[in-house]
């Protein structure tokens, strides 16, 4: 399993995403997006652990919950922005 951060522009979208994934039995944690990660100032991120993040993103898209970026947590704490996860 891999750990990801899915970023959102508002807490409302982050909360909707968290509730949607919870209904599917997926655990997640909503938190503030680290400032270095967000190019437009404030934002929120949903931390999820899953084998396949593109499936979760497809569910969010189906539920019309817009997200901004997806980051993969690498060993050692480094974060890698993913561009190939668009469903």
PDB file of N, CA and C in Angstrom:
ATOM      1  N   UNK A   1       0.835  -1.177   0.000  1.00  0.00           N
ATOM      2  CA  UNK A   1       0.000   0.000   0.000  1.00  0.00           C
ATOM      3  C   UNK A   1       0.884   1.246   0.000  1.00  0.00           C
ATOM      4  N   UNK A   2       0.420   2.246  -0.719  1.00  0.00           N
ATOM      5  CA  UNK A   2       1.144   3.505  -0.810  1.00  0.00           C
ATOM      6  C   UNK A   2       0.329   4.611  -0.154  1.00  0.00           C
ATOM      7  N   UNK A   3       1.039   5.626   0.309  1.00  0.00           N
ATOM      8  CA  UNK A   3       0.388   6.769   0.940  1.00  0.00           C
ATOM      9  C   UNK A   3       0.394   7.944  -0.026  1.00  0.00           C
ATOM     10  N   UNK A   4      -0.766   8.598  -0.160  1.00  0.00           N
ATOM     11  CA  UNK A   4      -0.939   9.708  -1.085  1.00  0.00           C
ATOM     12  C   UNK A   4      -1.557  10.898  -0.377  1.00  0.00           C
ATOM     13  N   UNK A   5      -1.321  12.087  -0.925  1.00  0.00           N
ATOM     14  CA  UNK A   5      -2.036  13.290  -0.549  1.00  0.00           C
ATOM     15  C   UNK A   5      -2.776  13.775  -1.785  1.00  0.00           C
ATOM     16  N   UNK A   6      -4.077  13.967  -1.653  1.00  0.00           N
ATOM     17  CA  UNK A   6      -4.895  14.522  -2.725  1.00  0.00           C
ATOM     18  C   UNK A   6      -5.268  15.924  -2.264  1.00  0.00           C
ATOM     19  N   UNK A   7      -4.895  16.948  -3.032  1.00  0.00           N
ATOM     20  CA  UNK A   7      -5.130  18.313  -2.593  1.00  0.00           C
ATOM     21  C   UNK A   7      -6.428  18.878  -3.169  1.00  0.00           C
ATOM     22  N   UNK A   8      -7.024  19.775  -2.377  1.00  0.00           N
ATOM     23  CA  UNK A   8      -8.283  20.440  -2.717  1.00  0.00           C
ATOM     24  C   UNK A   8      -8.143  21.925  -2.449  1.00  0.00           C
ATOM     25  N   UNK A   9      -8.917  22.746  -3.137  1.00  0.00           N
ATOM     26  CA  UNK A   9      -8.811  24.191  -2.938  1.00  0.00           C
ATOM     27  C   UNK A   9      -9.598  24.684  -1.743  1.00  0.00           C
ATOM     28  N   UNK A  10     -10.488  23.865  -1.213  1.00  0.00           N
ATOM     29  CA  UNK A  10     -11.274  24.309  -0.061  1.00  0.00           C
ATOM     30  C   UNK A  10     -11.512  23.146   0.900  1.00  0.00           C
ATOM     31  N   UNK A  11     -11.822  23.509   2.120  1.00  0.00           N
ATOM     32  CA  UNK A  11     -12.123  22.490   3.120  1.00  0.00           C
ATOM     33  C   UNK A  11     -13.417  21.761   2.764  1.00  0.00           C
ATOM     34  N   UNK A  12     -14.345  22.457   2.125  1.00  0.00           N
ATOM     35  CA  UNK A  12     -15.621  21.836   1.744  1.00  0.00           C
ATOM     36  C   UNK A  12     -15.393  20.661   0.801  1.00  0.00           C
ATOM     37  N   UNK A  13     -14.580  20.856  -0.228  1.00  0.00           N
ATOM     38  CA  UNK A  13     -14.298  19.753  -1.153  1.00  0.00           C
ATOM     39  C   UNK A  13     -13.538  18.628  -0.455  1.00  0.00           C
ATOM     40  N   UNK A  14     -12.616  18.994   0.422  1.00  0.00           N
ATOM     41  CA  UNK A  14     -11.890  17.978   1.173  1.00  0.00           C
ATOM     42  C   UNK A  14     -12.810  17.156   2.062  1.00  0.00           C
ATOM     43  N   UNK A  15     -13.747  17.822   2.731  1.00  0.00           N
ATOM     44  CA  UNK A  15     -14.697  17.116   3.590  1.00  0.00           C
ATOM     45  C   UNK A  15     -15.628  16.227   2.779  1.00  0.00           C
ATOM     46  N   UNK A  16     -16.087  16.716   1.636  1.00  0.00           N
ATOM     47  CA  UNK A  16     -16.949  15.890   0.776  1.00  0.00           C
ATOM     48  C   UNK A  16     -16.193  14.660   0.300  1.00  0.00           C
ATOM     49  N   UNK A  17     -14.924  14.839  -0.061  1.00  0.00           N
ATOM     50  CA  UNK A  17     -14.114  13.704  -0.506  1.00  0.00           C
ATOM     51  C   UNK A  17     -13.923  12.702   0.625  1.00  0.00           C
ATOM     52  N   UNK A  18     -13.635  13.201   1.804  1.00  0.00           N
ATOM     53  CA  UNK A  18     -13.437  12.325   2.963  1.00  0.00           C
ATOM     54  C   UNK A  18     -14.706  11.513   3.248  1.00  0.00           C
ATOM     55  N   UNK A  19     -15.862  12.154   3.207  1.00  0.00           N
ATOM     56  CA  UNK A  19     -17.126  11.461   3.454  1.00  0.00           C
ATOM     57  C   UNK A  19     -17.413  10.431   2.365  1.00  0.00           C
ATOM     58  N   UNK A  20     -17.129  10.784   1.119  1.00  0.00           N
ATOM     59  CA  UNK A  20     -17.359   9.863   0.004  1.00  0.00           C
ATOM     60  C   UNK A  20     -16.496   8.624   0.133  1.00  0.00           C
ATOM     61  N   UNK A  21     -15.223   8.813   0.445  1.00  0.00           N
ATOM     62  CA  UNK A  21     -14.317   7.669   0.581  1.00  0.00           C
ATOM     63  C   UNK A  21     -14.650   6.838   1.814  1.00  0.00           C
ATOM     64  N   UNK A  22     -15.081   7.493   2.889  1.00  0.00           N
ATOM     65  CA  UNK A  22     -15.487   6.764   4.093  1.00  0.00           C
ATOM     66  C   UNK A  22     -16.667   5.846   3.776  1.00  0.00           C
ATOM     67  N   UNK A  23     -17.607   6.328   2.962  1.00  0.00           N
ATOM     68  CA  UNK A  23     -18.768   5.512   2.581  1.00  0.00           C
ATOM     69  C   UNK A  23     -18.343   4.271   1.806  1.00  0.00           C
ATOM     70  N   UNK A  24     -17.171   4.326   1.168  1.00  0.00           N
ATOM     71  CA  UNK A  24     -16.631   3.170   0.436  1.00  0.00           C
ATOM     72  C   UNK A  24     -15.750   2.291   1.324  1.00  0.00           C
ATOM     73  N   UNK A  25     -15.629   2.659   2.597  1.00  0.00           N
ATOM     74  CA  UNK A  25     -14.805   1.888   3.514  1.00  0.00           C
ATOM     75  C   UNK A  25     -13.332   2.242   3.460  1.00  0.00           C
ATOM     76  N   UNK A  26     -12.994   3.400   2.864  1.00  0.00           N
ATOM     77  CA  UNK A  26     -11.596   3.845   2.763  1.00  0.00           C
ATOM     78  C   UNK A  26     -11.304   4.842   3.864  1.00  0.00           C
ATOM     79  N   UNK A  27     -10.245   4.600   4.600  1.00  0.00           N
ATOM     80  CA  UNK A  27      -9.835   5.522   5.649  1.00  0.00           C
ATOM     81  C   UNK A  27      -9.032   6.660   5.032  1.00  0.00           C
ATOM     82  N   UNK A  28      -9.240   7.844   5.581  1.00  0.00           N
ATOM     83  CA  UNK A  28      -8.497   9.011   5.122  1.00  0.00           C
ATOM     84  C   UNK A  28      -8.425  10.013   6.256  1.00  0.00           C
ATOM     85  N   UNK A  29      -7.570  11.001   6.081  1.00  0.00           N
ATOM     86  CA  UNK A  29      -7.410  12.045   7.096  1.00  0.00           C
ATOM     87  C   UNK A  29      -7.268  13.383   6.387  1.00  0.00           C
ATOM     88  N   UNK A  30      -8.152  14.321   6.713  1.00  0.00           N
ATOM     89  CA  UNK A  30      -8.118  15.652   6.126  1.00  0.00           C
ATOM     90  C   UNK A  30      -7.163  16.524   6.937  1.00  0.00           C
ATOM     91  N   UNK A  31      -6.315  17.265   6.231  1.00  0.00           N
ATOM     92  CA  UNK A  31      -5.356  18.134   6.903  1.00  0.00           C
ATOM     93  C   UNK A  31      -5.046  19.336   6.026  1.00  0.00           C
ATOM     94  N   UNK A  32      -4.402  20.334   6.604  1.00  0.00           N
ATOM     95  CA  UNK A  32      -3.966  21.496   5.829  1.00  0.00           C
ATOM     96  C   UNK A  32      -2.866  21.046   4.873  1.00  0.00           C
ATOM     97  N   UNK A  33      -2.881  21.612   3.699  1.00  0.00           N
ATOM     98  CA  UNK A  33      -1.836  21.328   2.721  1.00  0.00           C
ATOM     99  C   UNK A  33      -0.573  22.078   3.129  1.00  0.00           C
ATOM    100  N   UNK A  34       0.578  21.404   3.136  1.00  0.00           N
ATOM    101  CA  UNK A  34       1.817  22.119   3.437  1.00  0.00           C
ATOM    102  C   UNK A  34       2.010  23.280   2.449  1.00  0.00           C
ATOM    103  N   UNK A  35       2.451  24.416   2.950  1.00  0.00           N
ATOM    104  CA  UNK A  35       2.578  25.616   2.103  1.00  0.00           C
ATOM    105  C   UNK A  35       3.477  25.401   0.896  1.00  0.00           C
ATOM    106  N   UNK A  36       4.558  24.661   1.044  1.00  0.00           N
ATOM    107  CA  UNK A  36       5.476  24.460  -0.079  1.00  0.00           C
ATOM    108  C   UNK A  36       4.820  23.662  -1.194  1.00  0.00           C
ATOM    109  N   UNK A  37       3.765  22.937  -0.871  1.00  0.00           N
ATOM    110  CA  UNK A  37       3.108  22.068  -1.841  1.00  0.00           C
ATOM    111  C   UNK A  37       2.035  22.805  -2.643  1.00  0.00           C
ATOM    112  N   UNK A  38       1.493  23.857  -2.088  1.00  0.00           N
ATOM    113  CA  UNK A  38       0.349  24.522  -2.688  1.00  0.00           C
ATOM    114  C   UNK A  38       0.770  25.836  -3.342  1.00  0.00           C
ATOM    115  N   UNK A  39       0.564  25.952  -4.642  1.00  0.00           N
ATOM    116  CA  UNK A  39       1.002  27.135  -5.369  1.00  0.00           C
ATOM    117  C   UNK A  39       0.035  28.308  -5.265  1.00  0.00           C
ATOM    118  N   UNK A  40      -1.164  28.111  -4.761  1.00  0.00           N
ATOM    119  CA  UNK A  40      -2.142  29.188  -4.676  1.00  0.00           C
ATOM    120  C   UNK A  40      -2.484  29.546  -3.227  1.00  0.00           C
ATOM    121  N   UNK A  41      -1.573  29.308  -2.323  1.00  0.00           N
ATOM    122  CA  UNK A  41      -1.845  29.665  -0.932  1.00  0.00           C
ATOM    123  C   UNK A  41      -2.497  28.529  -0.171  1.00  0.00           C
ATOM    124  N   UNK A  42      -3.571  28.863   0.532  1.00  0.00           N
ATOM    125  CA  UNK A  42      -4.191  27.870   1.417  1.00  0.00           C
ATOM    126  C   UNK A  42      -4.880  26.763   0.630  1.00  0.00           C
ATOM    127  N   UNK A  43      -5.042  25.665   1.284  1.00  0.00           N
ATOM    128  CA  UNK A  43      -5.698  24.516   0.696  1.00  0.00           C
ATOM    129  C   UNK A  43      -5.743  23.388   1.700  1.00  0.00           C
ATOM    130  N   UNK A  44      -6.358  22.327   1.298  1.00  0.00           N
ATOM    131  CA  UNK A  44      -6.508  21.162   2.161  1.00  0.00           C
ATOM    132  C   UNK A  44      -6.124  19.912   1.396  1.00  0.00           C
ATOM    133  N   UNK A  45      -5.685  18.904   2.131  1.00  0.00           N
ATOM    134  CA  UNK A  45      -5.251  17.663   1.521  1.00  0.00           C
ATOM    135  C   UNK A  45      -5.863  16.485   2.275  1.00  0.00           C
ATOM    136  N   UNK A  46      -6.192  15.476   1.509  1.00  0.00           N
ATOM    137  CA  UNK A  46      -6.713  14.246   2.071  1.00  0.00           C
ATOM    138  C   UNK A  46      -5.612  13.202   1.978  1.00  0.00           C
ATOM    139  N   UNK A  47      -5.212  12.683   3.120  1.00  0.00           N
ATOM    140  CA  UNK A  47      -4.176  11.661   3.175  1.00  0.00           C
ATOM    141  C   UNK A  47      -4.853  10.294   3.113  1.00  0.00           C
ATOM    142  N   UNK A  48      -4.481   9.506   2.112  1.00  0.00           N
ATOM    143  CA  UNK A  48      -5.077   8.181   1.943  1.00  0.00           C
ATOM    144  C   UNK A  48      -3.981   7.149   1.720  1.00  0.00           C
ATOM    145  N   UNK A  49      -4.259   5.934   2.131  1.00  0.00           N
ATOM    146  CA  UNK A  49      -3.370   4.811   1.874  1.00  0.00           C
ATOM    147  C   UNK A  49      -4.162   3.813   1.044  1.00  0.00           C
ATOM    148  N   UNK A  50      -3.640   3.504  -0.127  1.00  0.00           N
ATOM    149  CA  UNK A  50      -4.359   2.627  -1.042  1.00  0.00           C
ATOM    150  C   UNK A  50      -3.376   1.965  -1.995  1.00  0.00           C
ATOM    151  N   UNK A  51      -3.824   0.936  -2.646  1.00  0.00           N
ATOM    152  CA  UNK A  51      -3.004   0.287  -3.654  1.00  0.00           C
ATOM    153  C   UNK A  51      -3.104   0.984  -5.000  1.00  0.00           C
ATOM    154  N   UNK A  52      -4.260   1.606  -5.271  1.00  0.00           N
ATOM    155  CA  UNK A  52      -4.485   2.240  -6.566  1.00  0.00           C
ATOM    156  C   UNK A  52      -5.252   3.541  -6.384  1.00  0.00           C
ATOM    157  N   UNK A  53      -4.554   4.672  -6.442  1.00  0.00           N
ATOM    158  CA  UNK A  53      -5.182   5.971  -6.207  1.00  0.00           C
ATOM    159  C   UNK A  53      -6.082   6.389  -7.370  1.00  0.00           C
ATOM    160  N   UNK A  54      -5.816   5.928  -8.568  1.00  0.00           N
ATOM    161  CA  UNK A  54      -6.634   6.352  -9.712  1.00  0.00           C
ATOM    162  C   UNK A  54      -8.089   5.911  -9.559  1.00  0.00           C
ATOM    163  N   UNK A  55      -8.322   4.787  -8.889  1.00  0.00           N
ATOM    164  CA  UNK A  55      -9.700   4.345  -8.640  1.00  0.00           C
ATOM    165  C   UNK A  55     -10.425   5.327  -7.728  1.00  0.00           C
ATOM    166  N   UNK A  56      -9.733   5.814  -6.693  1.00  0.00           N
ATOM    167  CA  UNK A  56     -10.334   6.775  -5.786  1.00  0.00           C
ATOM    168  C   UNK A  56     -10.617   8.096  -6.498  1.00  0.00           C
ATOM    169  N   UNK A  57      -9.695   8.512  -7.359  1.00  0.00           N
ATOM    170  CA  UNK A  57      -9.888   9.752  -8.105  1.00  0.00           C
ATOM    171  C   UNK A  57     -11.065   9.639  -9.071  1.00  0.00           C
ATOM    172  N   UNK A  58     -11.263   8.471  -9.628  1.00  0.00           N
ATOM    173  CA  UNK A  58     -12.406   8.256 -10.511  1.00  0.00           C
ATOM    174  C   UNK A  58     -13.718   8.397  -9.738  1.00  0.00           C
ATOM    175  N   UNK A  59     -13.747   7.913  -8.507  1.00  0.00           N
ATOM    176  CA  UNK A  59     -14.941   8.049  -7.663  1.00  0.00           C
ATOM    177  C   UNK A  59     -15.191   9.522  -7.363  1.00  0.00           C
ATOM    178  N   UNK A  60     -14.130  10.259  -7.036  1.00  0.00           N
ATOM    179  CA  UNK A  60     -14.297  11.688  -6.756  1.00  0.00           C
ATOM    180  C   UNK A  60     -14.814  12.426  -7.986  1.00  0.00           C
ATOM    181  N   UNK A  61     -14.300  12.089  -9.123  1.00  0.00           N
ATOM    182  CA  UNK A  61     -14.770  12.722 -10.360  1.00  0.00           C
ATOM    183  C   UNK A  61     -16.243  12.389 -10.604  1.00  0.00           C
ATOM    184  N   UNK A  62     -16.623  11.144 -10.392  1.00  0.00           N
ATOM    185  CA  UNK A  62     -18.009  10.725 -10.575  1.00  0.00           C
ATOM    186  C   UNK A  62     -18.941  11.491  -9.637  1.00  0.00           C
ATOM    187  N   UNK A  63     -18.467  11.779  -8.424  1.00  0.00           N
ATOM    188  CA  UNK A  63     -19.257  12.515  -7.433  1.00  0.00           C
ATOM    189  C   UNK A  63     -19.118  14.038  -7.590  1.00  0.00           C
ATOM    190  N   UNK A  64     -18.419  14.467  -8.641  1.00  0.00           N
ATOM    191  CA  UNK A  64     -18.200  15.882  -8.960  1.00  0.00           C
ATOM    192  C   UNK A  64     -17.501  16.635  -7.819  1.00  0.00           C
ATOM    193  N   UNK A  65     -16.475  16.001  -7.281  1.00  0.00           N
ATOM    194  CA  UNK A  65     -15.648  16.613  -6.249  1.00  0.00           C
ATOM    195  C   UNK A  65     -14.298  16.943  -6.890  1.00  0.00           C
ATOM    196  N   UNK A  66     -14.063  18.223  -7.191  1.00  0.00           N
ATOM    197  CA  UNK A  66     -12.808  18.584  -7.870  1.00  0.00           C
ATOM    198  C   UNK A  66     -11.608  18.534  -6.932  1.00  0.00           C
ATOM    199  N   UNK A  67     -10.518  17.998  -7.415  1.00  0.00           N
ATOM    200  CA  UNK A  67      -9.266  17.950  -6.678  1.00  0.00           C
ATOM    201  C   UNK A  67      -8.212  18.634  -7.526  1.00  0.00           C
ATOM    202  N   UNK A  68      -7.125  19.026  -6.903  1.00  0.00           N
ATOM    203  CA  UNK A  68      -6.074  19.758  -7.620  1.00  0.00           C
ATOM    204  C   UNK A  68      -4.927  18.870  -8.070  1.00  0.00           C
ATOM    205  N   UNK A  69      -4.218  18.314  -7.103  1.00  0.00           N
ATOM    206  CA  UNK A  69      -3.011  17.539  -7.394  1.00  0.00           C
ATOM    207  C   UNK A  69      -2.975  16.298  -6.526  1.00  0.00           C
ATOM    208  N   UNK A  70      -2.136  15.348  -6.958  1.00  0.00           N
ATOM    209  CA  UNK A  70      -1.930  14.122  -6.190  1.00  0.00           C
ATOM    210  C   UNK A  70      -0.425  13.975  -5.952  1.00  0.00           C
ATOM    211  N   UNK A  71      -0.077  13.685  -4.709  1.00  0.00           N
ATOM    212  CA  UNK A  71       1.314  13.518  -4.308  1.00  0.00           C
ATOM    213  C   UNK A  71       1.497  12.129  -3.710  1.00  0.00           C
ATOM    214  N   UNK A  72       2.603  11.498  -4.044  1.00  0.00           N
ATOM    215  CA  UNK A  72       2.972  10.189  -3.508  1.00  0.00           C
ATOM    216  C   UNK A  72       4.057  10.376  -2.462  1.00  0.00           C
ATOM    217  N   UNK A  73       3.856   9.787  -1.287  1.00  0.00           N
ATOM    218  CA  UNK A  73       4.868   9.835  -0.226  1.00  0.00           C
ATOM    219  C   UNK A  73       5.934   8.784  -0.522  1.00  0.00           C
ATOM    220  N   UNK A  74       7.156   9.226  -0.647  1.00  0.00           N
ATOM    221  CA  UNK A  74       8.297   8.345  -0.899  1.00  0.00           C
ATOM    222  C   UNK A  74       8.983   7.995   0.423  1.00  0.00           C
ATOM    223  N   UNK A  75       9.721   6.878   0.442  1.00  0.00           N
ATOM    224  CA  UNK A  75      10.493   6.557   1.646  1.00  0.00           C
ATOM    225  C   UNK A  75      11.423   7.716   2.003  1.00  0.00           C
ATOM    226  N   UNK A  76      11.528   8.010   3.264  1.00  0.00           N
ATOM    227  CA  UNK A  76      12.361   9.120   3.698  1.00  0.00           C
ATOM    228  C   UNK A  76      11.591  10.419   3.833  1.00  0.00           C
ATOM    229  N   UNK A  77      10.294  10.401   3.515  1.00  0.00           N
ATOM    230  CA  UNK A  77       9.468  11.579   3.693  1.00  0.00           C
ATOM    231  C   UNK A  77       9.343  12.501   2.496  1.00  0.00           C
ATOM    232  N   UNK A  78      10.038  12.199   1.412  1.00  0.00           N
ATOM    233  CA  UNK A  78       9.927  13.043   0.221  1.00  0.00           C
ATOM    234  C   UNK A  78       8.576  12.837  -0.452  1.00  0.00           C
ATOM    235  N   UNK A  79       8.063  13.899  -1.084  1.00  0.00           N
ATOM    236  CA  UNK A  79       6.793  13.836  -1.778  1.00  0.00           C
ATOM    237  C   UNK A  79       7.029  14.042  -3.279  1.00  0.00           C
ATOM    238  N   UNK A  80       6.363  13.235  -4.087  1.00  0.00           N
ATOM    239  CA  UNK A  80       6.492  13.312  -5.542  1.00  0.00           C
ATOM    240  C   UNK A  80       5.123  13.629  -6.138  1.00  0.00           C
ATOM    241  N   UNK A  81       5.065  14.716  -6.910  1.00  0.00           N
ATOM    242  CA  UNK A  81       3.812  15.063  -7.575  1.00  0.00           C
ATOM    243  C   UNK A  81       3.599  14.090  -8.727  1.00  0.00           C
ATOM    244  N   UNK A  82       2.402  13.531  -8.792  1.00  0.00           N
ATOM    245  CA  UNK A  82       2.074  12.585  -9.846  1.00  0.00           C
ATOM    246  C   UNK A  82       1.240  13.274 -10.920  1.00  0.00           C
ATOM    247  N   UNK A  83       1.588  13.017 -12.159  1.00  0.00           N
ATOM    248  CA  UNK A  83       0.830  13.615 -13.256  1.00  0.00           C
ATOM    249  C   UNK A  83       0.119  12.557 -14.088  1.00  0.00           C
ATOM    250  N   UNK A  84       0.401  11.302 -13.841  1.00  0.00           N
ATOM    251  CA  UNK A  84      -0.178  10.221 -14.649  1.00  0.00           C
ATOM    252  C   UNK A  84      -1.300   9.484 -13.935  1.00  0.00           C
ATOM    253  N   UNK A  85      -2.021  10.146 -13.041  1.00  0.00           N
ATOM    254  CA  UNK A  85      -3.084   9.475 -12.289  1.00  0.00           C
ATOM    255  C   UNK A  85      -4.462   9.932 -12.709  1.00  0.00           C
ATOM    256  N   UNK A  86      -4.543  10.744 -13.724  1.00  0.00           N
ATOM    257  CA  UNK A  86      -5.860  11.231 -14.148  1.00  0.00           C
ATOM    258  C   UNK A  86      -6.704  10.090 -14.682  1.00  0.00           C
ATOM    259  N   UNK A  87      -7.909   9.930 -14.113  1.00  0.00           N
ATOM    260  CA  UNK A  87      -8.772   8.832 -14.583  1.00  0.00           C
ATOM    261  C   UNK A  87      -9.373   9.139 -15.946  1.00  0.00           C
TER     262      UNK A  87
END
